[in-house]
Amino acid sequence: MHYDLIIVTETKPDNIDINHLWVNKALVFNNYIITKESKYTYDYLIIDKLYNELILLTEDGLIITNQFFQTTNEYIYAVGKAVNSNMDFNQQIQTVIENIKEPF
């Protein structure tokens, strides 16, 4: 099954207005995730921790992102503990979604 956005985070986000799937545990790869139920592909991914299968730029154990929480892989975003942001979790998610819907 395919989703526009897959969110793999410990915390379930509020008010997502895009075709998405939220899971709290999965095996995460560059083009898909695997859960107990199935394999899912995605256009965009949001994570809250570093997965060894993803090749992302890090520093001191944190994933490097831009102001939109976009990683060095343009379709993967990192939020929460993965980036040590002071912004509210749901605000981080909304920032990502706004960037996906209307990039620069």
PDB file of N, CA and C in Angstrom:
ATOM      1  N   MET A   1       0.843  -1.171   0.000  1.00  0.00           N
ATOM      2  CA  MET A   1       0.000   0.000   0.000  1.00  0.00           C
ATOM      3  C   MET A   1       0.896   1.244   0.000  1.00  0.00           C
ATOM      4  N   HIS A   2       0.417   2.320  -0.592  1.00  0.00           N
ATOM      5  CA  HIS A   2       1.200   3.547  -0.721  1.00  0.00           C
ATOM      6  C   HIS A   2       0.507   4.712  -0.010  1.00  0.00           C
ATOM      7  N   TYR A   3       1.329   5.546   0.653  1.00  0.00           N
ATOM      8  CA  TYR A   3       0.840   6.760   1.307  1.00  0.00           C
ATOM      9  C   TYR A   3       1.676   7.945   0.852  1.00  0.00           C
ATOM     10  N   ASP A   4       1.048   9.108   0.823  1.00  0.00           N
ATOM     11  CA  ASP A   4       1.802  10.324   0.531  1.00  0.00           C
ATOM     12  C   ASP A   4       2.830  10.569   1.621  1.00  0.00           C
ATOM     13  N   LEU A   5       2.409  10.349   2.869  1.00  0.00           N
ATOM     14  CA  LEU A   5       3.251  10.625   4.033  1.00  0.00           C
ATOM     15  C   LEU A   5       3.122   9.494   5.032  1.00  0.00           C
ATOM     16  N   ILE A   6       4.265   9.005   5.497  1.00  0.00           N
ATOM     17  CA  ILE A   6       4.278   8.054   6.600  1.00  0.00           C
ATOM     18  C   ILE A   6       5.021   8.705   7.747  1.00  0.00           C
ATOM     19  N   ILE A   7       4.433   8.614   8.923  1.00  0.00           N
ATOM     20  CA  ILE A   7       5.003   9.193  10.134  1.00  0.00           C
ATOM     21  C   ILE A   7       5.341   8.044  11.078  1.00  0.00           C
ATOM     22  N   VAL A   8       6.616   7.893  11.386  1.00  0.00           N
ATOM     23  CA  VAL A   8       7.067   6.862  12.321  1.00  0.00           C
ATOM     24  C   VAL A   8       7.619   7.585  13.539  1.00  0.00           C
ATOM     25  N   THR A   9       6.751   7.761  14.538  1.00  0.00           N
ATOM     26  CA  THR A   9       7.126   8.486  15.749  1.00  0.00           C
ATOM     27  C   THR A   9       6.498   7.829  16.964  1.00  0.00           C
ATOM     28  N   GLU A  10       7.091   8.065  18.123  1.00  0.00           N
ATOM     29  CA  GLU A  10       6.519   7.568  19.371  1.00  0.00           C
ATOM     30  C   GLU A  10       5.204   8.267  19.680  1.00  0.00           C
ATOM     31  N   THR A  11       5.131   9.545  19.371  1.00  0.00           N
ATOM     32  CA  THR A  11       3.954  10.362  19.669  1.00  0.00           C
ATOM     33  C   THR A  11       3.064  10.452  18.435  1.00  0.00           C
ATOM     34  N   LYS A  12       1.769  10.237  18.634  1.00  0.00           N
ATOM     35  CA  LYS A  12       0.833  10.370  17.520  1.00  0.00           C
ATOM     36  C   LYS A  12       0.535  11.850  17.286  1.00  0.00           C
ATOM     37  N   PRO A  13       0.729  12.337  16.061  1.00  0.00           N
ATOM     38  CA  PRO A  13       0.464  13.750  15.781  1.00  0.00           C
ATOM     39  C   PRO A  13      -1.032  14.041  15.669  1.00  0.00           C
ATOM     40  N   ASP A  14      -1.375  15.310  15.880  1.00  0.00           N
ATOM     41  CA  ASP A  14      -2.758  15.785  15.780  1.00  0.00           C
ATOM     42  C   ASP A  14      -3.014  16.403  14.412  1.00  0.00           C
ATOM     43  N   ASN A  15      -4.261  16.321  13.961  1.00  0.00           N
ATOM     44  CA  ASN A  15      -4.775  17.089  12.814  1.00  0.00           C
ATOM     45  C   ASN A  15      -3.891  17.062  11.573  1.00  0.00           C
ATOM     46  N   ILE A  16      -3.739  15.914  10.985  1.00  0.00           N
ATOM     47  CA  ILE A  16      -2.973  15.787   9.748  1.00  0.00           C
ATOM     48  C   ILE A  16      -3.961  15.805   8.583  1.00  0.00           C
ATOM     49  N   ASP A  17      -3.790  16.757   7.668  1.00  0.00           N
ATOM     50  CA  ASP A  17      -4.739  16.894   6.555  1.00  0.00           C
ATOM     51  C   ASP A  17      -4.123  16.485   5.216  1.00  0.00           C
ATOM     52  N   ILE A  18      -3.400  15.387   5.253  1.00  0.00           N
ATOM     53  CA  ILE A  18      -2.776  14.838   4.056  1.00  0.00           C
ATOM     54  C   ILE A  18      -2.883  13.313   4.168  1.00  0.00           C
ATOM     55  N   ASN A  19      -2.940  12.614   3.040  1.00  0.00           N
ATOM     56  CA  ASN A  19      -3.011  11.154   3.054  1.00  0.00           C
ATOM     57  C   ASN A  19      -1.788  10.610   3.790  1.00  0.00           C
ATOM     58  N   HIS A  20      -2.005  10.032   4.969  1.00  0.00           N
ATOM     59  CA  HIS A  20      -0.871   9.612   5.779  1.00  0.00           C
ATOM     60  C   HIS A  20      -1.147   8.329   6.553  1.00  0.00           C
ATOM     61  N   LEU A  21      -0.080   7.766   7.064  1.00  0.00           N
ATOM     62  CA  LEU A  21      -0.132   6.631   7.972  1.00  0.00           C
ATOM     63  C   LEU A  21       0.794   6.961   9.121  1.00  0.00           C
ATOM     64  N   TRP A  22       0.295   6.790  10.353  1.00  0.00           N
ATOM     65  CA  TRP A  22       1.141   6.951  11.534  1.00  0.00           C
ATOM     66  C   TRP A  22       1.368   5.585  12.156  1.00  0.00           C
ATOM     67  N   VAL A  23       2.609   5.278  12.455  1.00  0.00           N
ATOM     68  CA  VAL A  23       2.959   4.062  13.192  1.00  0.00           C
ATOM     69  C   VAL A  23       4.016   4.429  14.221  1.00  0.00           C
ATOM     70  N   ASN A  24       4.024   3.688  15.328  1.00  0.00           N
ATOM     71  CA  ASN A  24       5.041   3.999  16.337  1.00  0.00           C
ATOM     72  C   ASN A  24       6.237   3.058  16.264  1.00  0.00           C
ATOM     73  N   LYS A  25       6.091   1.936  15.550  1.00  0.00           N
ATOM     74  CA  LYS A  25       7.212   1.010  15.385  1.00  0.00           C
ATOM     75  C   LYS A  25       7.196   0.445  13.969  1.00  0.00           C
ATOM     76  N   ALA A  26       8.370   0.445  13.355  1.00  0.00           N
ATOM     77  CA  ALA A  26       8.487  -0.105  12.003  1.00  0.00           C
ATOM     78  C   ALA A  26       9.960  -0.291  11.668  1.00  0.00           C
ATOM     79  N   LEU A  27      10.207  -1.119  10.706  1.00  0.00           N
ATOM     80  CA  LEU A  27      11.520  -1.182  10.082  1.00  0.00           C
ATOM     81  C   LEU A  27      11.480  -0.136   8.978  1.00  0.00           C
ATOM     82  N   VAL A  28      12.434   0.763   8.984  1.00  0.00           N
ATOM     83  CA  VAL A  28      12.388   1.911   8.087  1.00  0.00           C
ATOM     84  C   VAL A  28      13.515   1.835   7.062  1.00  0.00           C
ATOM     85  N   PHE A  29      13.138   1.996   5.795  1.00  0.00           N
ATOM     86  CA  PHE A  29      14.095   1.971   4.692  1.00  0.00           C
ATOM     87  C   PHE A  29      13.862   3.203   3.811  1.00  0.00           C
ATOM     88  N   ASN A  30      14.737   3.407   2.835  1.00  0.00           N
ATOM     89  CA  ASN A  30      14.677   4.618   2.014  1.00  0.00           C
ATOM     90  C   ASN A  30      13.395   4.794   1.228  1.00  0.00           C
ATOM     91  N   ASN A  31      12.727   3.756   0.808  1.00  0.00           N
ATOM     92  CA  ASN A  31      11.522   3.907  -0.007  1.00  0.00           C
ATOM     93  C   ASN A  31      10.302   3.228   0.572  1.00  0.00           C
ATOM     94  N   TYR A  32      10.446   2.582   1.720  1.00  0.00           N
ATOM     95  CA  TYR A  32       9.326   1.853   2.306  1.00  0.00           C
ATOM     96  C   TYR A  32       9.575   1.589   3.788  1.00  0.00           C
ATOM     97  N   ILE A  33       8.507   1.183   4.464  1.00  0.00           N
ATOM     98  CA  ILE A  33       8.611   0.721   5.844  1.00  0.00           C
ATOM     99  C   ILE A  33       7.925  -0.632   5.933  1.00  0.00           C
ATOM    100  N   ILE A  34       8.284  -1.385   6.952  1.00  0.00           N
ATOM    101  CA  ILE A  34       7.638  -2.667   7.198  1.00  0.00           C
ATOM    102  C   ILE A  34       7.141  -2.672   8.640  1.00  0.00           C
ATOM    103  N   THR A  35       5.853  -2.978   8.795  1.00  0.00           N
ATOM    104  CA  THR A  35       5.258  -3.134  10.117  1.00  0.00           C
ATOM    105  C   THR A  35       4.838  -4.589  10.276  1.00  0.00           C
ATOM    106  N   LYS A  36       4.257  -4.916  11.417  1.00  0.00           N
ATOM    107  CA  LYS A  36       3.743  -6.279  11.622  1.00  0.00           C
ATOM    108  C   LYS A  36       2.682  -6.611  10.588  1.00  0.00           C
ATOM    109  N   GLU A  37       1.922  -5.592  10.163  1.00  0.00           N
ATOM    110  CA  GLU A  37       0.797  -5.806   9.261  1.00  0.00           C
ATOM    111  C   GLU A  37       1.178  -5.898   7.792  1.00  0.00           C
ATOM    112  N   SER A  38       2.141  -5.053   7.351  1.00  0.00           N
ATOM    113  CA  SER A  38       2.362  -4.965   5.918  1.00  0.00           C
ATOM    114  C   SER A  38       3.614  -4.166   5.578  1.00  0.00           C
ATOM    115  N   LYS A  39       3.870  -4.066   4.292  1.00  0.00           N
ATOM    116  CA  LYS A  39       4.916  -3.209   3.746  1.00  0.00           C
ATOM    117  C   LYS A  39       4.220  -2.011   3.108  1.00  0.00           C
ATOM    118  N   TYR A  40       4.721  -0.811   3.399  1.00  0.00           N
ATOM    119  CA  TYR A  40       4.118   0.417   2.887  1.00  0.00           C
ATOM    120  C   TYR A  40       5.186   1.255   2.194  1.00  0.00           C
ATOM    121  N   THR A  41       4.844   1.810   1.043  1.00  0.00           N
ATOM    122  CA  THR A  41       5.721   2.759   0.368  1.00  0.00           C
ATOM    123  C   THR A  41       5.227   4.175   0.653  1.00  0.00           C
ATOM    124  N   TYR A  42       6.072   5.148   0.399  1.00  0.00           N
ATOM    125  CA  TYR A  42       5.725   6.532   0.715  1.00  0.00           C
ATOM    126  C   TYR A  42       6.398   7.507  -0.240  1.00  0.00           C
ATOM    127  N   ASP A  43       5.828   8.717  -0.281  1.00  0.00           N
ATOM    128  CA  ASP A  43       6.473   9.825  -0.968  1.00  0.00           C
ATOM    129  C   ASP A  43       7.349  10.602   0.005  1.00  0.00           C
ATOM    130  N   TYR A  44       6.847  10.770   1.234  1.00  0.00           N
ATOM    131  CA  TYR A  44       7.553  11.501   2.282  1.00  0.00           C
ATOM    132  C   TYR A  44       7.500  10.709   3.575  1.00  0.00           C
ATOM    133  N   LEU A  45       8.540  10.887   4.385  1.00  0.00           N
ATOM    134  CA  LEU A  45       8.653  10.175   5.648  1.00  0.00           C
ATOM    135  C   LEU A  45       9.032  11.155   6.747  1.00  0.00           C
ATOM    136  N   ILE A  46       8.397  11.029   7.907  1.00  0.00           N
ATOM    137  CA  ILE A  46       8.779  11.783   9.101  1.00  0.00           C
ATOM    138  C   ILE A  46       9.194  10.766  10.155  1.00  0.00           C
ATOM    139  N   ILE A  47      10.370  10.980  10.755  1.00  0.00           N
ATOM    140  CA  ILE A  47      10.874  10.095  11.800  1.00  0.00           C
ATOM    141  C   ILE A  47      11.260  10.908  13.023  1.00  0.00           C
ATOM    142  N   ASP A  48      11.328  10.235  14.184  1.00  0.00           N
ATOM    143  CA  ASP A  48      11.771  10.925  15.391  1.00  0.00           C
ATOM    144  C   ASP A  48      12.997  10.265  16.013  1.00  0.00           C
ATOM    145  N   LYS A  49      13.610   9.363  15.257  1.00  0.00           N
ATOM    146  CA  LYS A  49      14.889   8.783  15.683  1.00  0.00           C
ATOM    147  C   LYS A  49      15.653   8.334  14.448  1.00  0.00           C
ATOM    148  N   LEU A  50      16.939   8.114  14.617  1.00  0.00           N
ATOM    149  CA  LEU A  50      17.793   7.712  13.510  1.00  0.00           C
ATOM    150  C   LEU A  50      17.667   6.206  13.280  1.00  0.00           C
ATOM    151  N   TYR A  51      17.493   5.818  12.037  1.00  0.00           N
ATOM    152  CA  TYR A  51      17.447   4.413  11.641  1.00  0.00           C
ATOM    153  C   TYR A  51      18.702   4.110  10.835  1.00  0.00           C
ATOM    154  N   ASN A  52      19.377   3.023  11.163  1.00  0.00           N
ATOM    155  CA  ASN A  52      20.643   2.679  10.513  1.00  0.00           C
ATOM    156  C   ASN A  52      20.511   2.501   9.012  1.00  0.00           C
ATOM    157  N   GLU A  53      19.347   2.088   8.546  1.00  0.00           N
ATOM    158  CA  GLU A  53      19.145   1.841   7.122  1.00  0.00           C
ATOM    159  C   GLU A  53      19.057   3.135   6.309  1.00  0.00           C
ATOM    160  N   LEU A  54      18.813   4.248   6.981  1.00  0.00           N
ATOM    161  CA  LEU A  54      18.726   5.543   6.305  1.00  0.00           C
ATOM    162  C   LEU A  54      20.087   6.230   6.383  1.00  0.00           C
ATOM    163  N   ILE A  55      20.546   6.711   5.258  1.00  0.00           N
ATOM    164  CA  ILE A  55      21.822   7.411   5.243  1.00  0.00           C
ATOM    165  C   ILE A  55      21.532   8.901   5.341  1.00  0.00           C
ATOM    166  N   LEU A  56      21.686   9.435   6.550  1.00  0.00           N
ATOM    167  CA  LEU A  56      21.395  10.835   6.820  1.00  0.00           C
ATOM    168  C   LEU A  56      22.585  11.470   7.519  1.00  0.00           C
ATOM    169  N   LEU A  57      22.781  12.743   7.292  1.00  0.00           N
ATOM    170  CA  LEU A  57      23.862  13.477   7.932  1.00  0.00           C
ATOM    171  C   LEU A  57      23.505  13.712   9.399  1.00  0.00           C
ATOM    172  N   THR A  58      24.433  13.400  10.287  1.00  0.00           N
ATOM    173  CA  THR A  58      24.217  13.590  11.729  1.00  0.00           C
ATOM    174  C   THR A  58      25.401  14.320  12.348  1.00  0.00           C
ATOM    175  N   GLU A  59      25.143  14.865  13.518  1.00  0.00           N
ATOM    176  CA  GLU A  59      26.203  15.482  14.302  1.00  0.00           C
ATOM    177  C   GLU A  59      25.868  15.290  15.770  1.00  0.00           C
ATOM    178  N   ASP A  60      26.798  14.741  16.521  1.00  0.00           N
ATOM    179  CA  ASP A  60      26.609  14.465  17.948  1.00  0.00           C
ATOM    180  C   ASP A  60      25.343  13.653  18.217  1.00  0.00           C
ATOM    181  N   GLY A  61      25.024  12.717  17.337  1.00  0.00           N
ATOM    182  CA  GLY A  61      23.879  11.837  17.518  1.00  0.00           C
ATOM    183  C   GLY A  61      22.543  12.418  17.097  1.00  0.00           C
ATOM    184  N   LEU A  62      22.539  13.645  16.593  1.00  0.00           N
ATOM    185  CA  LEU A  62      21.299  14.292  16.142  1.00  0.00           C
ATOM    186  C   LEU A  62      21.290  14.367  14.615  1.00  0.00           C
ATOM    187  N   ILE A  63      20.100  14.251  14.044  1.00  0.00           N
ATOM    188  CA  ILE A  63      19.956  14.342  12.591  1.00  0.00           C
ATOM    189  C   ILE A  63      19.976  15.813  12.187  1.00  0.00           C
ATOM    190  N   ILE A  64      20.775  16.143  11.202  1.00  0.00           N
ATOM    191  CA  ILE A  64      20.883  17.519  10.706  1.00  0.00           C
ATOM    192  C   ILE A  64      19.699  17.794   9.779  1.00  0.00           C
ATOM    193  N   THR A  65      18.990  18.909  10.031  1.00  0.00           N
ATOM    194  CA  THR A  65      17.853  19.307   9.192  1.00  0.00           C
ATOM    195  C   THR A  65      17.940  20.792   8.879  1.00  0.00           C
ATOM    196  N   ASN A  66      17.104  21.211   7.927  1.00  0.00           N
ATOM    197  CA  ASN A  66      16.958  22.640   7.669  1.00  0.00           C
ATOM    198  C   ASN A  66      15.815  23.189   8.525  1.00  0.00           C
ATOM    199  N   GLN A  67      15.379  24.406   8.259  1.00  0.00           N
ATOM    200  CA  GLN A  67      14.334  25.045   9.065  1.00  0.00           C
ATOM    201  C   GLN A  67      12.970  24.374   8.924  1.00  0.00           C
ATOM    202  N   PHE A  68      12.824  23.510   7.911  1.00  0.00           N
ATOM    203  CA  PHE A  68      11.568  22.789   7.698  1.00  0.00           C
ATOM    204  C   PHE A  68      11.655  21.347   8.202  1.00  0.00           C
ATOM    205  N   PHE A  69      12.732  21.017   8.904  1.00  0.00           N
ATOM    206  CA  PHE A  69      12.994  19.688   9.451  1.00  0.00           C
ATOM    207  C   PHE A  69      13.305  18.661   8.356  1.00  0.00           C
ATOM    208  N   GLN A  70      13.681  19.160   7.184  1.00  0.00           N
ATOM    209  CA  GLN A  70      14.049  18.304   6.061  1.00  0.00           C
ATOM    210  C   GLN A  70      15.500  17.866   6.234  1.00  0.00           C
ATOM    211  N   THR A  71      15.749  16.571   6.049  1.00  0.00           N
ATOM    212  CA  THR A  71      17.094  16.028   6.214  1.00  0.00           C
ATOM    213  C   THR A  71      17.888  16.173   4.924  1.00  0.00           C
ATOM    214  N   THR A  72      19.063  15.583   4.913  1.00  0.00           N
ATOM    215  CA  THR A  72      19.885  15.597   3.699  1.00  0.00           C
ATOM    216  C   THR A  72      19.267  14.745   2.603  1.00  0.00           C
ATOM    217  N   ASN A  73      18.303  13.914   2.944  1.00  0.00           N
ATOM    218  CA  ASN A  73      17.513  13.178   1.957  1.00  0.00           C
ATOM    219  C   ASN A  73      16.212  13.965   1.815  1.00  0.00           C
ATOM    220  N   GLU A  74      15.977  14.581   0.681  1.00  0.00           N
ATOM    221  CA  GLU A  74      14.916  15.586   0.525  1.00  0.00           C
ATOM    222  C   GLU A  74      13.504  15.109   0.821  1.00  0.00           C
ATOM    223  N   TYR A  75      13.239  13.821   0.840  1.00  0.00           N
ATOM    224  CA  TYR A  75      11.889  13.339   1.136  1.00  0.00           C
ATOM    225  C   TYR A  75      11.771  12.735   2.540  1.00  0.00           C
ATOM    226  N   ILE A  76      12.811  12.897   3.355  1.00  0.00           N
ATOM    227  CA  ILE A  76      12.774  12.421   4.738  1.00  0.00           C
ATOM    228  C   ILE A  76      12.933  13.620   5.671  1.00  0.00           C
ATOM    229  N   TYR A  77      12.039  13.695   6.644  1.00  0.00           N
ATOM    230  CA  TYR A  77      12.043  14.757   7.641  1.00  0.00           C
ATOM    231  C   TYR A  77      12.274  14.139   9.017  1.00  0.00           C
ATOM    232  N   ALA A  78      12.929  14.881   9.895  1.00  0.00           N
ATOM    233  CA  ALA A  78      13.183  14.408  11.250  1.00  0.00           C
ATOM    234  C   ALA A  78      12.667  15.433  12.246  1.00  0.00           C
ATOM    235  N   VAL A  79      12.021  14.949  13.301  1.00  0.00           N
ATOM    236  CA  VAL A  79      11.436  15.820  14.326  1.00  0.00           C
ATOM    237  C   VAL A  79      11.740  15.262  15.711  1.00  0.00           C
ATOM    238  N   GLY A  80      11.311  16.019  16.719  1.00  0.00           N
ATOM    239  CA  GLY A  80      11.389  15.538  18.098  1.00  0.00           C
ATOM    240  C   GLY A  80      12.803  15.341  18.594  1.00  0.00           C
ATOM    241  N   LYS A  81      13.000  14.240  19.319  1.00  0.00           N
ATOM    242  CA  LYS A  81      14.298  13.948  19.934  1.00  0.00           C
ATOM    243  C   LYS A  81      15.410  13.790  18.910  1.00  0.00           C
ATOM    244  N   ALA A  82      15.059  13.441  17.692  1.00  0.00           N
ATOM    245  CA  ALA A  82      16.065  13.222  16.648  1.00  0.00           C
ATOM    246  C   ALA A  82      16.793  14.504  16.266  1.00  0.00           C
ATOM    247  N   VAL A  83      16.144  15.652  16.512  1.00  0.00           N
ATOM    248  CA  VAL A  83      16.736  16.937  16.144  1.00  0.00           C
ATOM    249  C   VAL A  83      16.888  17.883  17.328  1.00  0.00           C
ATOM    250  N   ASN A  84      16.377  17.490  18.472  1.00  0.00           N
ATOM    251  CA  ASN A  84      16.477  18.276  19.704  1.00  0.00           C
ATOM    252  C   ASN A  84      15.907  19.688  19.533  1.00  0.00           C
ATOM    253  N   SER A  85      14.738  19.773  18.901  1.00  0.00           N
ATOM    254  CA  SER A  85      14.096  21.066  18.688  1.00  0.00           C
ATOM    255  C   SER A  85      13.297  21.485  19.917  1.00  0.00           C
ATOM    256  N   ASN A  86      13.268  22.777  20.182  1.00  0.00           N
ATOM    257  CA  ASN A  86      12.456  23.323  21.271  1.00  0.00           C
ATOM    258  C   ASN A  86      11.009  23.545  20.856  1.00  0.00           C
ATOM    259  N   MET A  87      10.727  23.453  19.565  1.00  0.00           N
ATOM    260  CA  MET A  87       9.378  23.676  19.052  1.00  0.00           C
ATOM    261  C   MET A  87       8.463  22.527  19.480  1.00  0.00           C
ATOM    262  N   ASP A  88       7.206  22.829  19.739  1.00  0.00           N
ATOM    263  CA  ASP A  88       6.199  21.829  20.068  1.00  0.00           C
ATOM    264  C   ASP A  88       6.150  20.763  18.970  1.00  0.00           C
ATOM    265  N   PHE A  89       5.970  19.496  19.365  1.00  0.00           N
ATOM    266  CA  PHE A  89       5.965  18.376  18.419  1.00  0.00           C
ATOM    267  C   PHE A  89       4.966  18.593  17.291  1.00  0.00           C
ATOM    268  N   ASN A  90       3.722  18.943  17.613  1.00  0.00           N
ATOM    269  CA  ASN A  90       2.707  19.129  16.571  1.00  0.00           C
ATOM    270  C   ASN A  90       3.019  20.326  15.678  1.00  0.00           C
ATOM    271  N   GLN A  91       3.675  21.344  16.204  1.00  0.00           N
ATOM    272  CA  GLN A  91       4.112  22.465  15.368  1.00  0.00           C
ATOM    273  C   GLN A  91       5.187  22.004  14.382  1.00  0.00           C
ATOM    274  N   GLN A  92       6.073  21.129  14.849  1.00  0.00           N
ATOM    275  CA  GLN A  92       7.094  20.578  13.952  1.00  0.00           C
ATOM    276  C   GLN A  92       6.432  19.807  12.810  1.00  0.00           C
ATOM    277  N   ILE A  93       5.454  18.979  13.144  1.00  0.00           N
ATOM    278  CA  ILE A  93       4.747  18.199  12.124  1.00  0.00           C
ATOM    279  C   ILE A  93       4.047  19.128  11.130  1.00  0.00           C
ATOM    280  N   GLN A  94       3.390  20.166  11.622  1.00  0.00           N
ATOM    281  CA  GLN A  94       2.701  21.114  10.740  1.00  0.00           C
ATOM    282  C   GLN A  94       3.684  21.861   9.848  1.00  0.00           C
ATOM    283  N   THR A  95       4.873  22.177  10.365  1.00  0.00           N
ATOM    284  CA  THR A  95       5.914  22.815   9.559  1.00  0.00           C
ATOM    285  C   THR A  95       6.312  21.907   8.400  1.00  0.00           C
ATOM    286  N   VAL A  96       6.466  20.631   8.688  1.00  0.00           N
ATOM    287  CA  VAL A  96       6.811  19.659   7.651  1.00  0.00           C
ATOM    288  C   VAL A  96       5.700  19.587   6.601  1.00  0.00           C
ATOM    289  N   ILE A  97       4.468  19.467   7.047  1.00  0.00           N
ATOM    290  CA  ILE A  97       3.347  19.328   6.112  1.00  0.00           C
ATOM    291  C   ILE A  97       3.211  20.583   5.237  1.00  0.00           C
ATOM    292  N   GLU A  98       3.370  21.752   5.812  1.00  0.00           N
ATOM    293  CA  GLU A  98       3.322  22.993   5.025  1.00  0.00           C
ATOM    294  C   GLU A  98       4.421  22.986   3.974  1.00  0.00           C
ATOM    295  N   ASN A  99       5.609  22.500   4.333  1.00  0.00           N
ATOM    296  CA  ASN A  99       6.708  22.451   3.370  1.00  0.00           C
ATOM    297  C   ASN A  99       6.430  21.439   2.268  1.00  0.00           C
ATOM    298  N   ILE A 100       5.802  20.330   2.597  1.00  0.00           N
ATOM    299  CA  ILE A 100       5.466  19.320   1.585  1.00  0.00           C
ATOM    300  C   ILE A 100       4.421  19.892   0.621  1.00  0.00           C
ATOM    301  N   LYS A 101       3.409  20.558   1.160  1.00  0.00           N
ATOM    302  CA  LYS A 101       2.330  21.088   0.321  1.00  0.00           C
ATOM    303  C   LYS A 101       2.775  22.272  -0.527  1.00  0.00           C
ATOM    304  N   GLU A 102       3.588  23.136   0.048  1.00  0.00           N
ATOM    305  CA  GLU A 102       4.027  24.347  -0.658  1.00  0.00           C
ATOM    306  C   GLU A 102       5.517  24.591  -0.448  1.00  0.00           C
ATOM    307  N   PRO A 103       6.346  23.803  -1.106  1.00  0.00           N
ATOM    308  CA  PRO A 103       7.799  24.007  -0.943  1.00  0.00           C
ATOM    309  C   PRO A 103       8.224  25.337  -1.549  1.00  0.00           C
ATOM    310  N   PHE A 104       9.136  25.984  -0.904  1.00  0.00           N
ATOM    311  CA  PHE A 104       9.657  27.293  -1.328  1.00  0.00           C
ATOM    312  C   PHE A 104       8.818  27.862  -2.409  1.00  0.00           C
TER     313      PHE A 104
END
